[in-house]
Amino acid sequence: MDGVYSALARIPTFRDVRPEAVELEPLSSLTNATYKVTANGLAYTLRLPGKDTYEYVDRAAEEHNARIMAAAGVNAKVLYFDATDGTMLSEFVEGVSMTETMFRDELEAPARVALALKRVHHLGPVFKSRFDIFAMIDVYLGILRKLRAPLPEDYHEVEQGAEAVRRALEASPVPRSPCHNDPWPANFLDAGGRLYIIDWEFSGMNDPMWDLGDLSVEAGFGLEQDRVMMEAYYGVASPPALYSRLALYKAMSDLLWALWGLIQHANDNPRYDFLTYALRRLRRCKTLMSNTDFGRHLDTVRVRR
């Protein structure tokens, strides 16, 4: 805990607070170290950056985007941010983290989250950063080479499919919007009916459909939940072309986060079995890309103008 107290000592809010007057409670996090900090009757969330996250997270962009989302009432209020190392203090939101179970059991959950993401997407060109999945893949591959981490055979088997997706998306570009880019269920907090979106590490301007596709994968949506999500987002029954775009991003979600998982494994991150996680996502990506429908989705997206 010494690192936690030394981090708090740098934050003006805690400059005159004695360590023994601080109560710490570890919070769930896959890469960073996150704590609920209680002092003087007030609760905060302290985020300490994970090992080597500086290699793939732009902390200055994260601060900019997180503060904008807090001002819009989407994110928890940011009280302190050190862009040199990623230490962040924010107001603690007393809420319930959403889970796959909640999405499965609550019929309106996909719609609620889709509308929360739509609000983010409609805020205009407010993010300085850009999230490009293919550039991110190149960054992750470079990190894995640096770590001398071998790539699984399943990765090499989906490289050609990923290139086909890139060409299809380039042939059918859409305007970029502010996106969260990591809509993992636990990044949504239900605070008495109000939905917060936290953890803006990967935020940047992107195709909004990425957020919907990634949400579908991370929350384990089936066809009916995809339909509820898409109809809530667009307000009407969505045309097949949009479902094809969604399908391409679902495959790329598995590919991108599989590489991220391989980096966590190579960095000996002890919080999860990241090798199993990465291999599972690669296998799922391969299954999606080998499906006969995948070629149809590529063609549909490629010819759409």
C-alpha atoms as a PDB file:
ATOM      1  CA  MET A   1       0.000   0.000   0.000  1.00  0.00           C
ATOM      2  CA  ASP A   2       3.017   2.313   0.155  1.00  0.00           C
ATOM      3  CA  GLY A   3       2.495   3.247  -3.499  1.00  0.00           C
ATOM      4  CA  VAL A   4      -1.094   4.242  -2.763  1.00  0.00           C
ATOM      5  CA  TYR A   5      -0.150   6.529   0.105  1.00  0.00           C
ATOM      6  CA  SER A   6       2.691   8.108  -1.861  1.00  0.00           C
ATOM      7  CA  ALA A   7       0.274   8.788  -4.714  1.00  0.00           C
ATOM      8  CA  LEU A   8      -2.237  10.355  -2.336  1.00  0.00           C
ATOM      9  CA  ALA A   9       0.501  12.572  -0.881  1.00  0.00           C
ATOM     10  CA  ARG A  10       0.911  14.177  -4.324  1.00  0.00           C
ATOM     11  CA  ILE A  11      -2.781  15.051  -4.575  1.00  0.00           C
ATOM     12  CA  PRO A  12      -3.783  18.430  -3.070  1.00  0.00           C
ATOM     13  CA  THR A  13      -7.016  16.960  -1.655  1.00  0.00           C
ATOM     14  CA  PHE A  14      -4.978  14.715   0.661  1.00  0.00           C
ATOM     15  CA  ARG A  15      -2.039  16.997   1.380  1.00  0.00           C
ATOM     16  CA  ASP A  16      -3.083  17.568   5.016  1.00  0.00           C
ATOM     17  CA  VAL A  17      -4.754  14.204   5.599  1.00  0.00           C
ATOM     18  CA  ARG A  18      -2.897  11.747   7.834  1.00  0.00           C
ATOM     19  CA  PRO A  19      -2.497   8.233   6.362  1.00  0.00           C
ATOM     20  CA  GLU A  20      -4.197   6.677   9.382  1.00  0.00           C
ATOM     21  CA  ALA A  21      -7.281   8.788   8.623  1.00  0.00           C
ATOM     22  CA  VAL A  22      -7.588   7.239   5.172  1.00  0.00           C
ATOM     23  CA  GLU A  23      -9.626   4.089   4.524  1.00  0.00           C
ATOM     24  CA  LEU A  24      -8.766   2.053   1.436  1.00  0.00           C
ATOM     25  CA  GLU A  25     -10.863  -0.550  -0.349  1.00  0.00           C
ATOM     26  CA  PRO A  26      -9.480  -2.288  -3.469  1.00  0.00           C
ATOM     27  CA  LEU A  27     -11.808  -2.215  -6.463  1.00  0.00           C
ATOM     28  CA  SER A  28     -11.967  -4.626  -9.377  1.00  0.00           C
ATOM     29  CA  SER A  29      -9.680  -3.750 -12.295  1.00  0.00           C
ATOM     30  CA  LEU A  30      -7.930  -5.822 -14.946  1.00  0.00           C
ATOM     31  CA  THR A  31      -4.835  -3.706 -15.618  1.00  0.00           C
ATOM     32  CA  ASN A  32      -4.730  -0.761 -13.244  1.00  0.00           C
ATOM     33  CA  ALA A  33      -4.795  -0.668  -9.441  1.00  0.00           C
ATOM     34  CA  THR A  34      -8.014   1.019  -8.349  1.00  0.00           C
ATOM     35  CA  TYR A  35      -9.201   1.874  -4.844  1.00  0.00           C
ATOM     36  CA  LYS A  36     -12.137   3.419  -3.066  1.00  0.00           C
ATOM     37  CA  VAL A  37     -10.581   6.024  -0.785  1.00  0.00           C
ATOM     38  CA  THR A  38     -12.576   7.384   2.141  1.00  0.00           C
ATOM     39  CA  ALA A  39     -11.375  10.372   4.199  1.00  0.00           C
ATOM     40  CA  ASN A  40     -13.162  13.044   6.199  1.00  0.00           C
ATOM     41  CA  GLY A  41     -16.485  11.457   5.393  1.00  0.00           C
ATOM     42  CA  LEU A  42     -16.008  11.721   1.617  1.00  0.00           C
ATOM     43  CA  ALA A  43     -15.398   8.920  -0.868  1.00  0.00           C
ATOM     44  CA  TYR A  44     -13.143   9.009  -3.926  1.00  0.00           C
ATOM     45  CA  THR A  45     -11.839   6.629  -6.562  1.00  0.00           C
ATOM     46  CA  LEU A  46      -8.060   6.458  -6.977  1.00  0.00           C
ATOM     47  CA  ARG A  47      -6.651   4.903 -10.161  1.00  0.00           C
ATOM     48  CA  LEU A  48      -2.980   3.970 -10.342  1.00  0.00           C
ATOM     49  CA  PRO A  49      -1.811   2.991 -13.841  1.00  0.00           C
ATOM     50  CA  GLY A  50      -0.884  -0.592 -14.630  1.00  0.00           C
ATOM     51  CA  LYS A  51       2.520  -1.802 -15.738  1.00  0.00           C
ATOM     52  CA  ASP A  52       3.668  -0.392 -19.097  1.00  0.00           C
ATOM     53  CA  THR A  53       0.215   0.988 -19.945  1.00  0.00           C
ATOM     54  CA  TYR A  54       1.999   4.141 -21.108  1.00  0.00           C
ATOM     55  CA  GLU A  55       2.947   2.188 -24.233  1.00  0.00           C
ATOM     56  CA  TYR A  56      -0.615   2.038 -25.504  1.00  0.00           C
ATOM     57  CA  VAL A  57      -2.609   4.630 -23.525  1.00  0.00           C
ATOM     58  CA  ASP A  58      -2.340   8.356 -24.283  1.00  0.00           C
ATOM     59  CA  ARG A  59      -2.832   9.757 -20.782  1.00  0.00           C
ATOM     60  CA  ALA A  60      -3.036  13.397 -21.891  1.00  0.00           C
ATOM     61  CA  ALA A  61      -5.843  12.483 -24.291  1.00  0.00           C
ATOM     62  CA  GLU A  62      -7.538  10.416 -21.609  1.00  0.00           C
ATOM     63  CA  GLU A  63      -7.547  13.357 -19.208  1.00  0.00           C
ATOM     64  CA  HIS A  64      -8.967  15.699 -21.855  1.00  0.00           C
ATOM     65  CA  ASN A  65     -11.699  13.256 -22.819  1.00  0.00           C
ATOM     66  CA  ALA A  66     -12.539  12.173 -19.276  1.00  0.00           C
ATOM     67  CA  ARG A  67     -13.006  15.770 -18.138  1.00  0.00           C
ATOM     68  CA  ILE A  68     -15.261  16.528 -21.108  1.00  0.00           C
ATOM     69  CA  MET A  69     -17.411  13.504 -20.316  1.00  0.00           C
ATOM     70  CA  ALA A  70     -17.552  14.486 -16.641  1.00  0.00           C
ATOM     71  CA  ALA A  71     -18.694  17.996 -17.594  1.00  0.00           C
ATOM     72  CA  ALA A  72     -21.391  16.401 -19.768  1.00  0.00           C
ATOM     73  CA  GLY A  73     -22.583  14.363 -16.791  1.00  0.00           C
ATOM     74  CA  VAL A  74     -21.569  11.049 -18.340  1.00  0.00           C
ATOM     75  CA  ASN A  75     -18.388  10.326 -16.381  1.00  0.00           C
ATOM     76  CA  ALA A  76     -17.581  10.714 -12.695  1.00  0.00           C
ATOM     77  CA  LYS A  77     -16.092  14.124 -11.862  1.00  0.00           C
ATOM     78  CA  VAL A  78     -12.304  14.158 -12.290  1.00  0.00           C
ATOM     79  CA  LEU A  79     -10.626  15.838  -9.318  1.00  0.00           C
ATOM     80  CA  TYR A  80      -6.959  15.212 -10.115  1.00  0.00           C
ATOM     81  CA  PHE A  81      -5.075  13.813 -13.087  1.00  0.00           C
ATOM     82  CA  ASP A  82      -1.328  13.404 -13.527  1.00  0.00           C
ATOM     83  CA  ALA A  83      -0.861  12.959 -17.271  1.00  0.00           C
ATOM     84  CA  THR A  84       2.810  12.039 -16.798  1.00  0.00           C
ATOM     85  CA  ASP A  85       1.962   8.712 -15.168  1.00  0.00           C
ATOM     86  CA  GLY A  86      -1.829   8.319 -15.308  1.00  0.00           C
ATOM     87  CA  THR A  87      -2.658   8.684 -11.616  1.00  0.00           C
ATOM     88  CA  MET A  88      -6.269   9.861 -11.367  1.00  0.00           C
ATOM     89  CA  LEU A  89      -8.576  10.811  -8.512  1.00  0.00           C
ATOM     90  CA  SER A  90     -12.290  11.119  -9.180  1.00  0.00           C
ATOM     91  CA  GLU A  91     -15.490  11.331  -7.223  1.00  0.00           C
ATOM     92  CA  PHE A  92     -16.692   7.911  -6.102  1.00  0.00           C
ATOM     93  CA  VAL A  93     -19.964   6.926  -7.753  1.00  0.00           C
ATOM     94  CA  GLU A  94     -22.144   4.808  -5.494  1.00  0.00           C
ATOM     95  CA  GLY A  95     -23.596   2.471  -8.051  1.00  0.00           C
ATOM     96  CA  VAL A  96     -23.767  -1.073  -9.354  1.00  0.00           C
ATOM     97  CA  SER A  97     -21.404  -2.178 -12.098  1.00  0.00           C
ATOM     98  CA  MET A  98     -23.309  -3.788 -14.933  1.00  0.00           C
ATOM     99  CA  THR A  99     -22.551  -7.423 -15.712  1.00  0.00           C
ATOM    100  CA  GLU A 100     -23.286  -9.926 -18.462  1.00  0.00           C
ATOM    101  CA  THR A 101     -25.940 -11.377 -16.170  1.00  0.00           C
ATOM    102  CA  MET A 102     -27.707  -8.026 -15.928  1.00  0.00           C
ATOM    103  CA  PHE A 103     -27.723  -7.699 -19.711  1.00  0.00           C
ATOM    104  CA  ARG A 104     -29.125 -11.206 -20.000  1.00  0.00           C
ATOM    105  CA  ASP A 105     -31.813 -10.827 -17.322  1.00  0.00           C
ATOM    106  CA  GLU A 106     -32.900  -7.202 -17.846  1.00  0.00           C
ATOM    107  CA  LEU A 107     -34.626  -6.863 -21.188  1.00  0.00           C
ATOM    108  CA  GLU A 108     -34.102  -3.101 -21.412  1.00  0.00           C
ATOM    109  CA  ALA A 109     -30.406  -3.114 -20.427  1.00  0.00           C
ATOM    110  CA  PRO A 110     -29.070  -3.240 -24.025  1.00  0.00           C
ATOM    111  CA  ALA A 111     -31.300  -0.303 -24.948  1.00  0.00           C
ATOM    112  CA  ARG A 112     -30.284   1.769 -21.902  1.00  0.00           C
ATOM    113  CA  VAL A 113     -26.595   1.364 -22.625  1.00  0.00           C
ATOM    114  CA  ALA A 114     -27.064   1.983 -26.362  1.00  0.00           C
ATOM    115  CA  LEU A 115     -28.770   5.299 -25.580  1.00  0.00           C
ATOM    116  CA  ALA A 116     -25.980   6.246 -23.154  1.00  0.00           C
ATOM    117  CA  LEU A 117     -23.402   5.613 -25.880  1.00  0.00           C
ATOM    118  CA  LYS A 118     -25.521   7.525 -28.402  1.00  0.00           C
ATOM    119  CA  ARG A 119     -25.387  10.534 -26.081  1.00  0.00           C
ATOM    120  CA  VAL A 120     -21.585  10.353 -26.134  1.00  0.00           C
ATOM    121  CA  HIS A 121     -21.476   9.985 -29.906  1.00  0.00           C
ATOM    122  CA  HIS A 122     -23.681  13.047 -30.436  1.00  0.00           C
ATOM    123  CA  LEU A 123     -21.541  15.439 -28.411  1.00  0.00           C
ATOM    124  CA  GLY A 124     -19.663  16.510 -31.546  1.00  0.00           C
ATOM    125  CA  PRO A 125     -15.938  16.544 -32.414  1.00  0.00           C
ATOM    126  CA  VAL A 126     -14.818  17.108 -28.830  1.00  0.00           C
ATOM    127  CA  PHE A 127     -11.994  14.542 -28.506  1.00  0.00           C
ATOM    128  CA  LYS A 128      -8.481  15.431 -29.596  1.00  0.00           C
ATOM    129  CA  SER A 129      -7.451  11.790 -29.899  1.00  0.00           C
ATOM    130  CA  ARG A 130      -8.389   9.233 -32.524  1.00  0.00           C
ATOM    131  CA  PHE A 131      -8.990   5.507 -32.044  1.00  0.00           C
ATOM    132  CA  ASP A 132      -8.105   3.445 -35.101  1.00  0.00           C
ATOM    133  CA  ILE A 133      -8.376  -0.292 -34.552  1.00  0.00           C
ATOM    134  CA  PHE A 134      -5.844  -1.147 -37.253  1.00  0.00           C
ATOM    135  CA  ALA A 135      -3.303   1.336 -35.908  1.00  0.00           C
ATOM    136  CA  MET A 136      -3.920  -0.131 -32.440  1.00  0.00           C
ATOM    137  CA  ILE A 137      -3.302  -3.629 -33.770  1.00  0.00           C
ATOM    138  CA  ASP A 138       0.042  -2.461 -35.166  1.00  0.00           C
ATOM    139  CA  VAL A 139       0.925  -0.898 -31.797  1.00  0.00           C
ATOM    140  CA  TYR A 140       0.048  -4.099 -29.940  1.00  0.00           C
ATOM    141  CA  LEU A 141       2.035  -6.244 -32.382  1.00  0.00           C
ATOM    142  CA  GLY A 142       5.019  -3.934 -31.884  1.00  0.00           C
ATOM    143  CA  ILE A 143       4.775  -4.286 -28.105  1.00  0.00           C
ATOM    144  CA  LEU A 144       4.567  -8.070 -28.383  1.00  0.00           C
ATOM    145  CA  ARG A 145       7.663  -8.104 -30.608  1.00  0.00           C
ATOM    146  CA  LYS A 146       9.482  -5.954 -28.062  1.00  0.00           C
ATOM    147  CA  LEU A 147       8.461  -8.395 -25.316  1.00  0.00           C
ATOM    148  CA  ARG A 148       9.584 -11.331 -27.505  1.00  0.00           C
ATOM    149  CA  ALA A 149       6.141 -12.859 -27.058  1.00  0.00           C
ATOM    150  CA  PRO A 150       5.215 -15.402 -29.761  1.00  0.00           C
ATOM    151  CA  LEU A 151       1.938 -15.010 -31.595  1.00  0.00           C
ATOM    152  CA  PRO A 152      -0.482 -17.964 -31.487  1.00  0.00           C
ATOM    153  CA  GLU A 153      -1.237 -19.766 -34.715  1.00  0.00           C
ATOM    154  CA  ASP A 154      -4.835 -18.581 -34.526  1.00  0.00           C
ATOM    155  CA  TYR A 155      -3.632 -14.998 -34.952  1.00  0.00           C
ATOM    156  CA  HIS A 156      -1.885 -15.789 -38.229  1.00  0.00           C
ATOM    157  CA  GLU A 157      -5.034 -17.532 -39.442  1.00  0.00           C
ATOM    158  CA  VAL A 158      -7.149 -14.369 -39.061  1.00  0.00           C
ATOM    159  CA  GLU A 159      -4.655 -11.841 -40.461  1.00  0.00           C
ATOM    160  CA  GLN A 160      -6.099 -12.101 -43.968  1.00  0.00           C
ATOM    161  CA  GLY A 161      -9.635 -11.635 -42.663  1.00  0.00           C
ATOM    162  CA  ALA A 162      -8.595  -8.540 -40.726  1.00  0.00           C
ATOM    163  CA  GLU A 163      -7.069  -7.043 -43.866  1.00  0.00           C
ATOM    164  CA  ALA A 164     -10.317  -7.714 -45.752  1.00  0.00           C
ATOM    165  CA  VAL A 165     -12.231  -5.900 -43.002  1.00  0.00           C
ATOM    166  CA  ARG A 166      -9.861  -2.948 -43.238  1.00  0.00           C
ATOM    167  CA  ARG A 167     -10.399  -2.650 -46.994  1.00  0.00           C
ATOM    168  CA  ALA A 168     -14.180  -2.937 -46.646  1.00  0.00           C
ATOM    169  CA  LEU A 169     -14.340  -0.221 -43.989  1.00  0.00           C
ATOM    170  CA  GLU A 170     -12.047   2.068 -45.981  1.00  0.00           C
ATOM    171  CA  ALA A 171     -14.385   1.675 -48.955  1.00  0.00           C
ATOM    172  CA  SER A 172     -17.333   2.766 -46.827  1.00  0.00           C
ATOM    173  CA  PRO A 173     -16.131   5.478 -44.403  1.00  0.00           C
ATOM    174  CA  VAL A 174     -18.421   7.220 -41.922  1.00  0.00           C
ATOM    175  CA  PRO A 175     -17.937  10.438 -39.941  1.00  0.00           C
ATOM    176  CA  ARG A 176     -16.040   9.899 -36.697  1.00  0.00           C
ATOM    177  CA  SER A 177     -17.610  10.727 -33.357  1.00  0.00           C
ATOM    178  CA  PRO A 178     -16.439  10.735 -29.731  1.00  0.00           C
ATOM    179  CA  CYS A 179     -16.379   7.085 -28.676  1.00  0.00           C
ATOM    180  CA  HIS A 180     -15.604   5.234 -25.468  1.00  0.00           C
ATOM    181  CA  ASN A 181     -14.040   2.310 -27.374  1.00  0.00           C
ATOM    182  CA  ASP A 182     -13.966  -0.034 -24.364  1.00  0.00           C
ATOM    183  CA  PRO A 183     -17.639  -0.587 -23.424  1.00  0.00           C
ATOM    184  CA  TRP A 184     -16.957  -3.515 -21.125  1.00  0.00           C
ATOM    185  CA  PRO A 185     -20.066  -4.056 -18.922  1.00  0.00           C
ATOM    186  CA  ALA A 186     -18.215  -3.089 -15.726  1.00  0.00           C
ATOM    187  CA  ASN A 187     -17.484   0.340 -17.235  1.00  0.00           C
ATOM    188  CA  PHE A 188     -21.192   1.153 -16.891  1.00  0.00           C
ATOM    189  CA  LEU A 189     -22.386   2.103 -13.401  1.00  0.00           C
ATOM    190  CA  ASP A 190     -26.071   2.152 -12.593  1.00  0.00           C
ATOM    191  CA  ALA A 191     -26.489   4.749  -9.851  1.00  0.00           C
ATOM    192  CA  GLY A 192     -30.129   4.656  -8.909  1.00  0.00           C
ATOM    193  CA  GLY A 193     -31.351   4.774 -12.486  1.00  0.00           C
ATOM    194  CA  ARG A 194     -28.661   7.143 -13.726  1.00  0.00           C
ATOM    195  CA  LEU A 195     -26.071   5.494 -15.940  1.00  0.00           C
ATOM    196  CA  TYR A 196     -22.429   6.566 -15.714  1.00  0.00           C
ATOM    197  CA  ILE A 197     -19.713   5.490 -18.131  1.00  0.00           C
ATOM    198  CA  ILE A 198     -16.245   5.295 -16.581  1.00  0.00           C
ATOM    199  CA  ASP A 199     -12.697   4.432 -17.692  1.00  0.00           C
ATOM    200  CA  TRP A 200     -11.913   6.603 -20.726  1.00  0.00           C
ATOM    201  CA  GLU A 201      -8.400   5.203 -21.341  1.00  0.00           C
ATOM    202  CA  PHE A 202      -9.136   4.181 -24.920  1.00  0.00           C
ATOM    203  CA  SER A 203     -11.500   7.013 -25.789  1.00  0.00           C
ATOM    204  CA  GLY A 204     -11.114   8.854 -29.073  1.00  0.00           C
ATOM    205  CA  MET A 205     -12.820   9.776 -32.316  1.00  0.00           C
ATOM    206  CA  ASN A 206     -14.045   6.641 -34.036  1.00  0.00           C
ATOM    207  CA  ASP A 207     -16.864   5.015 -35.978  1.00  0.00           C
ATOM    208  CA  PRO A 208     -19.739   4.827 -33.430  1.00  0.00           C
ATOM    209  CA  MET A 209     -20.549   1.325 -34.642  1.00  0.00           C
ATOM    210  CA  TRP A 210     -17.334   0.133 -32.977  1.00  0.00           C
ATOM    211  CA  ASP A 211     -18.836   0.926 -29.574  1.00  0.00           C
ATOM    212  CA  LEU A 212     -21.983  -1.035 -30.405  1.00  0.00           C
ATOM    213  CA  GLY A 213     -20.084  -4.001 -31.826  1.00  0.00           C
ATOM    214  CA  ASP A 214     -17.662  -4.114 -28.924  1.00  0.00           C
ATOM    215  CA  LEU A 215     -20.517  -3.800 -26.418  1.00  0.00           C
ATOM    216  CA  SER A 216     -22.305  -6.710 -28.083  1.00  0.00           C
ATOM    217  CA  VAL A 217     -19.235  -8.918 -27.743  1.00  0.00           C
ATOM    218  CA  GLU A 218     -18.257  -7.867 -24.219  1.00  0.00           C
ATOM    219  CA  ALA A 219     -21.806  -8.258 -22.878  1.00  0.00           C
ATOM    220  CA  GLY A 220     -22.400 -11.554 -24.673  1.00  0.00           C
ATOM    221  CA  PHE A 221     -25.363 -10.357 -26.719  1.00  0.00           C
ATOM    222  CA  GLY A 222     -27.389 -12.722 -28.842  1.00  0.00           C
ATOM    223  CA  LEU A 223     -29.391 -11.796 -31.931  1.00  0.00           C
ATOM    224  CA  GLU A 224     -32.366 -10.476 -29.969  1.00  0.00           C
ATOM    225  CA  GLN A 225     -30.211  -8.280 -27.730  1.00  0.00           C
ATOM    226  CA  ASP A 226     -28.413  -6.929 -30.808  1.00  0.00           C
ATOM    227  CA  ARG A 227     -31.799  -6.040 -32.253  1.00  0.00           C
ATOM    228  CA  VAL A 228     -32.915  -4.257 -29.070  1.00  0.00           C
ATOM    229  CA  MET A 229     -29.619  -2.355 -28.940  1.00  0.00           C
ATOM    230  CA  MET A 230     -29.697  -1.317 -32.594  1.00  0.00           C
ATOM    231  CA  GLU A 231     -33.350  -0.277 -32.616  1.00  0.00           C
ATOM    232  CA  ALA A 232     -32.894   1.775 -29.443  1.00  0.00           C
ATOM    233  CA  TYR A 233     -29.847   3.485 -30.926  1.00  0.00           C
ATOM    234  CA  TYR A 234     -31.347   4.255 -34.345  1.00  0.00           C
ATOM    235  CA  GLY A 235     -34.952   4.644 -33.247  1.00  0.00           C
ATOM    236  CA  VAL A 236     -36.176   2.350 -36.023  1.00  0.00           C
ATOM    237  CA  ALA A 237     -35.494  -1.113 -37.368  1.00  0.00           C
ATOM    238  CA  SER A 238     -31.930  -0.979 -38.690  1.00  0.00           C
ATOM    239  CA  PRO A 239     -31.182  -1.922 -42.314  1.00  0.00           C
ATOM    240  CA  PRO A 240     -29.120  -5.080 -42.972  1.00  0.00           C
ATOM    241  CA  ALA A 241     -26.103  -2.998 -43.985  1.00  0.00           C
ATOM    242  CA  LEU A 242     -25.728  -1.714 -40.424  1.00  0.00           C
ATOM    243  CA  TYR A 243     -25.895  -5.243 -39.033  1.00  0.00           C
ATOM    244  CA  SER A 244     -23.134  -6.212 -41.447  1.00  0.00           C
ATOM    245  CA  ARG A 245     -20.962  -3.370 -40.175  1.00  0.00           C
ATOM    246  CA  LEU A 246     -21.750  -4.488 -36.637  1.00  0.00           C
ATOM    247  CA  ALA A 247     -20.667  -8.044 -37.505  1.00  0.00           C
ATOM    248  CA  LEU A 248     -17.298  -6.874 -38.847  1.00  0.00           C
ATOM    249  CA  TYR A 249     -16.588  -4.877 -35.708  1.00  0.00           C
ATOM    250  CA  LYS A 250     -17.579  -7.805 -33.496  1.00  0.00           C
ATOM    251  CA  ALA A 251     -14.878  -9.912 -35.146  1.00  0.00           C
ATOM    252  CA  MET A 252     -12.328  -7.111 -34.848  1.00  0.00           C
ATOM    253  CA  SER A 253     -13.222  -6.629 -31.184  1.00  0.00           C
ATOM    254  CA  ASP A 254     -12.153 -10.180 -30.468  1.00  0.00           C
ATOM    255  CA  LEU A 255      -8.956  -9.736 -32.456  1.00  0.00           C
ATOM    256  CA  LEU A 256      -7.921  -6.436 -30.871  1.00  0.00           C
ATOM    257  CA  TRP A 257      -8.556  -7.431 -27.273  1.00  0.00           C
ATOM    258  CA  ALA A 258      -6.954 -10.821 -27.813  1.00  0.00           C
ATOM    259  CA  LEU A 259      -3.712  -9.008 -28.644  1.00  0.00           C
ATOM    260  CA  TRP A 260      -4.221  -6.793 -25.590  1.00  0.00           C
ATOM    261  CA  GLY A 261      -4.640  -9.948 -23.511  1.00  0.00           C
ATOM    262  CA  LEU A 262      -1.400 -11.380 -24.900  1.00  0.00           C
ATOM    263  CA  ILE A 263       0.388  -8.211 -23.757  1.00  0.00           C
ATOM    264  CA  GLN A 264      -1.047  -8.605 -20.253  1.00  0.00           C
ATOM    265  CA  HIS A 265       0.128 -12.219 -20.218  1.00  0.00           C
ATOM    266  CA  ALA A 266       3.607 -11.264 -21.433  1.00  0.00           C
ATOM    267  CA  ASN A 267       3.769  -8.588 -18.715  1.00  0.00           C
ATOM    268  CA  ASP A 268       2.893 -11.207 -16.065  1.00  0.00           C
ATOM    269  CA  ASN A 269      -0.277  -9.385 -15.036  1.00  0.00           C
ATOM    270  CA  PRO A 270      -1.520 -11.543 -12.120  1.00  0.00           C
ATOM    271  CA  ARG A 271      -5.131 -10.319 -12.055  1.00  0.00           C
ATOM    272  CA  TYR A 272      -6.500 -12.796 -14.594  1.00  0.00           C
ATOM    273  CA  ASP A 273      -5.621 -15.758 -16.813  1.00  0.00           C
ATOM    274  CA  PHE A 274      -4.937 -13.534 -19.803  1.00  0.00           C
ATOM    275  CA  LEU A 275      -3.493 -16.282 -21.994  1.00  0.00           C
ATOM    276  CA  THR A 276      -6.718 -18.283 -21.824  1.00  0.00           C
ATOM    277  CA  TYR A 277      -8.663 -15.046 -22.370  1.00  0.00           C
ATOM    278  CA  ALA A 278      -6.625 -14.155 -25.470  1.00  0.00           C
ATOM    279  CA  LEU A 279      -6.761 -17.628 -27.019  1.00  0.00           C
ATOM    280  CA  ARG A 280     -10.520 -17.838 -26.470  1.00  0.00           C
ATOM    281  CA  ARG A 281     -11.064 -14.531 -28.239  1.00  0.00           C
ATOM    282  CA  LEU A 282      -8.795 -15.490 -31.122  1.00  0.00           C
ATOM    283  CA  ARG A 283     -10.688 -18.753 -31.603  1.00  0.00           C
ATOM    284  CA  ARG A 284     -13.980 -16.888 -31.602  1.00  0.00           C
ATOM    285  CA  CYS A 285     -12.627 -14.385 -34.127  1.00  0.00           C
ATOM    286  CA  LYS A 286     -11.499 -17.233 -36.371  1.00  0.00           C
ATOM    287  CA  THR A 287     -14.926 -18.859 -36.128  1.00  0.00           C
ATOM    288  CA  LEU A 288     -16.658 -15.608 -37.089  1.00  0.00           C
ATOM    289  CA  MET A 289     -14.355 -14.993 -40.027  1.00  0.00           C
ATOM    290  CA  SER A 290     -14.691 -18.546 -41.328  1.00  0.00           C
ATOM    291  CA  ASN A 291     -18.489 -18.377 -41.302  1.00  0.00           C
ATOM    292  CA  THR A 292     -20.066 -18.169 -44.758  1.00  0.00           C
ATOM    293  CA  ASP A 293     -21.945 -15.036 -43.668  1.00  0.00           C
ATOM    294  CA  PHE A 294     -18.705 -13.151 -43.097  1.00  0.00           C
ATOM    295  CA  GLY A 295     -18.003 -12.776 -46.816  1.00  0.00           C
ATOM    296  CA  ARG A 296     -21.524 -11.436 -47.302  1.00  0.00           C
ATOM    297  CA  HIS A 297     -20.983  -8.903 -44.517  1.00  0.00           C
ATOM    298  CA  LEU A 298     -17.741  -7.787 -46.167  1.00  0.00           C
ATOM    299  CA  ASP A 299     -19.463  -7.335 -49.519  1.00  0.00           C
ATOM    300  CA  THR A 300     -22.399  -5.470 -47.986  1.00  0.00           C
ATOM    301  CA  VAL A 301     -20.168  -2.999 -46.167  1.00  0.00           C
ATOM    302  CA  ARG A 302     -17.800  -2.585 -49.106  1.00  0.00           C
ATOM    303  CA  VAL A 303     -20.476  -1.571 -51.607  1.00  0.00           C
ATOM    304  CA  ARG A 304     -22.445   0.676 -49.233  1.00  0.00           C
ATOM    305  CA  ARG A 305     -21.928   4.392 -49.943  1.00  0.00           C
END
